[in-house]
Amino acid sequence: MFEVSTIKTLFDSKSQEKIHRFSAVQLLMKLKKITKRILKKIHFRKKKKGTDSLLASINYC
């Protein structure tokens, strides 16, 4: 009985960890998409070298 419960808690913590990691990755991807969209809007409004370098640095990441 004790072994089963420890295995279960281990499994629960592992799955929880995976969920947290996955949500963090999703959040990062969403953030990247949003920043790209904003930068594109800025880029279309005013075509300056500053925004180009900013876009390049984000694409590099």
N, C-alpha and C. Protein backbone atom coordinates (compact mmCIF):
# COMPACT_ATOMS: atom_id res chain seq x y z
N MET A 1 0.83 -1.21 0.00
CA MET A 1 0.00 0.00 0.00
C MET A 1 0.87 1.26 0.00
N PHE A 2 1.91 1.25 0.82
CA PHE A 2 2.80 2.42 0.92
C PHE A 2 3.51 2.69 -0.40
N GLU A 3 4.01 1.63 -1.05
CA GLU A 3 4.73 1.77 -2.32
C GLU A 3 3.83 2.36 -3.41
N VAL A 4 2.62 1.89 -3.46
CA VAL A 4 1.67 2.36 -4.48
C VAL A 4 1.42 3.86 -4.30
N SER A 5 1.22 4.29 -3.07
CA SER A 5 0.93 5.70 -2.81
C SER A 5 2.13 6.58 -3.17
N THR A 6 3.36 6.11 -2.87
CA THR A 6 4.54 6.91 -3.21
C THR A 6 4.70 7.03 -4.72
N ILE A 7 4.45 5.93 -5.42
CA ILE A 7 4.53 5.95 -6.89
C ILE A 7 3.50 6.92 -7.44
N LYS A 8 2.30 6.89 -6.87
CA LYS A 8 1.23 7.78 -7.33
C LYS A 8 1.62 9.25 -7.12
N THR A 9 2.16 9.57 -5.95
CA THR A 9 2.55 10.96 -5.69
C THR A 9 3.69 11.38 -6.61
N LEU A 10 4.62 10.47 -6.86
CA LEU A 10 5.72 10.76 -7.79
C LEU A 10 5.18 11.07 -9.18
N PHE A 11 4.24 10.23 -9.62
CA PHE A 11 3.64 10.42 -10.94
C PHE A 11 2.88 11.74 -11.01
N ASP A 12 2.14 12.05 -9.96
CA ASP A 12 1.38 13.30 -9.91
C ASP A 12 2.30 14.51 -10.01
N SER A 13 3.39 14.47 -9.25
CA SER A 13 4.32 15.60 -9.27
C SER A 13 4.98 15.74 -10.63
N LYS A 14 5.29 14.60 -11.26
CA LYS A 14 5.91 14.62 -12.60
C LYS A 14 4.96 15.24 -13.62
N SER A 15 3.71 14.80 -13.61
CA SER A 15 2.73 15.32 -14.58
C SER A 15 2.48 16.80 -14.32
N GLN A 16 2.46 17.18 -13.06
CA GLN A 16 2.28 18.59 -12.70
C GLN A 16 3.43 19.42 -13.27
N GLU A 17 4.64 18.90 -13.13
CA GLU A 17 5.83 19.56 -13.64
C GLU A 17 5.73 19.75 -15.15
N LYS A 18 5.30 18.68 -15.85
CA LYS A 18 5.15 18.73 -17.30
C LYS A 18 4.14 19.79 -17.70
N ILE A 19 3.03 19.84 -16.98
CA ILE A 19 1.98 20.82 -17.28
C ILE A 19 2.54 22.23 -17.12
N HIS A 20 3.26 22.46 -16.02
CA HIS A 20 3.84 23.79 -15.77
C HIS A 20 4.82 24.18 -16.88
N ARG A 21 5.66 23.24 -17.26
CA ARG A 21 6.66 23.50 -18.29
C ARG A 21 5.97 23.80 -19.62
N PHE A 22 4.93 23.02 -19.94
CA PHE A 22 4.19 23.20 -21.19
C PHE A 22 3.51 24.56 -21.23
N SER A 23 2.88 24.93 -20.13
CA SER A 23 2.18 26.22 -20.09
C SER A 23 3.18 27.37 -20.22
N ALA A 24 4.36 27.20 -19.63
CA ALA A 24 5.39 28.23 -19.73
C ALA A 24 5.84 28.40 -21.18
N VAL A 25 6.02 27.28 -21.87
CA VAL A 25 6.43 27.31 -23.28
C VAL A 25 5.34 27.97 -24.12
N GLN A 26 4.08 27.60 -23.86
CA GLN A 26 2.95 28.19 -24.59
C GLN A 26 2.91 29.69 -24.38
N LEU A 27 3.12 30.10 -23.12
CA LEU A 27 3.10 31.52 -22.78
C LEU A 27 4.19 32.26 -23.54
N LEU A 28 5.39 31.67 -23.59
CA LEU A 28 6.50 32.28 -24.32
C LEU A 28 6.18 32.43 -25.79
N MET A 29 5.60 31.39 -26.38
CA MET A 29 5.25 31.43 -27.80
C MET A 29 4.21 32.51 -28.08
N LYS A 30 3.22 32.60 -27.20
CA LYS A 30 2.18 33.63 -27.36
C LYS A 30 2.80 35.01 -27.27
N LEU A 31 3.68 35.18 -26.29
CA LEU A 31 4.35 36.47 -26.09
C LEU A 31 5.15 36.84 -27.33
N LYS A 32 5.86 35.88 -27.89
CA LYS A 32 6.67 36.10 -29.08
C LYS A 32 5.79 36.52 -30.26
N LYS A 33 4.65 35.83 -30.42
CA LYS A 33 3.72 36.15 -31.51
C LYS A 33 3.17 37.56 -31.35
N ILE A 34 2.79 37.91 -30.12
CA ILE A 34 2.23 39.24 -29.85
C ILE A 34 3.26 40.31 -30.14
N THR A 35 4.49 40.12 -29.66
CA THR A 35 5.54 41.12 -29.88
C THR A 35 5.85 41.26 -31.36
N LYS A 36 5.85 40.14 -32.08
CA LYS A 36 6.09 40.20 -33.53
C LYS A 36 5.00 41.00 -34.22
N ARG A 37 3.75 40.76 -33.81
CA ARG A 37 2.61 41.46 -34.40
C ARG A 37 2.71 42.96 -34.15
N ILE A 38 3.03 43.32 -32.91
CA ILE A 38 3.17 44.74 -32.55
C ILE A 38 4.31 45.37 -33.34
N LEU A 39 5.44 44.67 -33.41
CA LEU A 39 6.59 45.19 -34.14
C LEU A 39 6.28 45.37 -35.62
N LYS A 40 5.50 44.44 -36.19
CA LYS A 40 5.12 44.57 -37.59
C LYS A 40 4.28 45.81 -37.81
N LYS A 41 3.35 46.07 -36.87
CA LYS A 41 2.51 47.27 -36.96
C LYS A 41 3.37 48.52 -36.91
N ILE A 42 4.31 48.53 -35.97
CA ILE A 42 5.23 49.67 -35.83
C ILE A 42 6.05 49.82 -37.11
N HIS A 43 6.51 48.68 -37.63
CA HIS A 43 7.35 48.64 -38.83
C HIS A 43 6.62 49.23 -40.03
N PHE A 44 5.33 48.93 -40.15
CA PHE A 44 4.56 49.45 -41.28
C PHE A 44 4.27 50.94 -41.12
N ARG A 45 4.12 51.38 -39.89
CA ARG A 45 3.84 52.80 -39.65
C ARG A 45 5.04 53.67 -39.98
N LYS A 46 6.18 53.28 -39.46
CA LYS A 46 7.39 54.06 -39.72
C LYS A 46 8.55 53.13 -40.04
N LYS A 47 8.99 53.16 -41.27
CA LYS A 47 10.08 52.28 -41.70
C LYS A 47 11.42 52.92 -41.39
N LYS A 48 11.92 52.58 -40.21
CA LYS A 48 13.21 53.11 -39.78
C LYS A 48 14.15 51.95 -39.50
N LYS A 49 15.43 52.24 -39.46
CA LYS A 49 16.43 51.20 -39.23
C LYS A 49 16.34 50.64 -37.81
N GLY A 50 15.90 51.45 -36.87
CA GLY A 50 15.77 51.00 -35.49
C GLY A 50 14.81 49.83 -35.35
N THR A 51 13.65 49.95 -36.01
CA THR A 51 12.66 48.86 -35.93
C THR A 51 13.17 47.62 -36.66
N ASP A 52 13.92 47.81 -37.72
CA ASP A 52 14.48 46.67 -38.45
C ASP A 52 15.42 45.85 -37.56
N SER A 53 16.29 46.55 -36.85
CA SER A 53 17.23 45.85 -35.98
C SER A 53 16.48 45.16 -34.83
N LEU A 54 15.40 45.79 -34.37
CA LEU A 54 14.60 45.21 -33.30
C LEU A 54 13.93 43.93 -33.78
N LEU A 55 13.38 43.97 -34.99
CA LEU A 55 12.75 42.78 -35.59
C LEU A 55 13.78 41.68 -35.78
N ALA A 56 14.96 42.04 -36.24
CA ALA A 56 16.02 41.07 -36.47
C ALA A 56 16.43 40.40 -35.15
N SER A 57 16.53 41.19 -34.10
CA SER A 57 16.92 40.64 -32.80
C SER A 57 15.86 39.68 -32.27
N ILE A 58 14.58 39.98 -32.51
CA ILE A 58 13.52 39.08 -32.04
C ILE A 58 13.48 37.82 -32.88
N ASN A 59 13.68 37.94 -34.17
CA ASN A 59 13.71 36.76 -35.04
C ASN A 59 14.89 35.86 -34.69
N TYR A 60 15.97 36.47 -34.21
CA TYR A 60 17.17 35.73 -33.84
C TYR A 60 16.93 34.85 -32.61
N CYS A 61 16.11 35.33 -31.68
CA CYS A 61 15.86 34.62 -30.42
C CYS A 61 15.19 33.28 -30.59
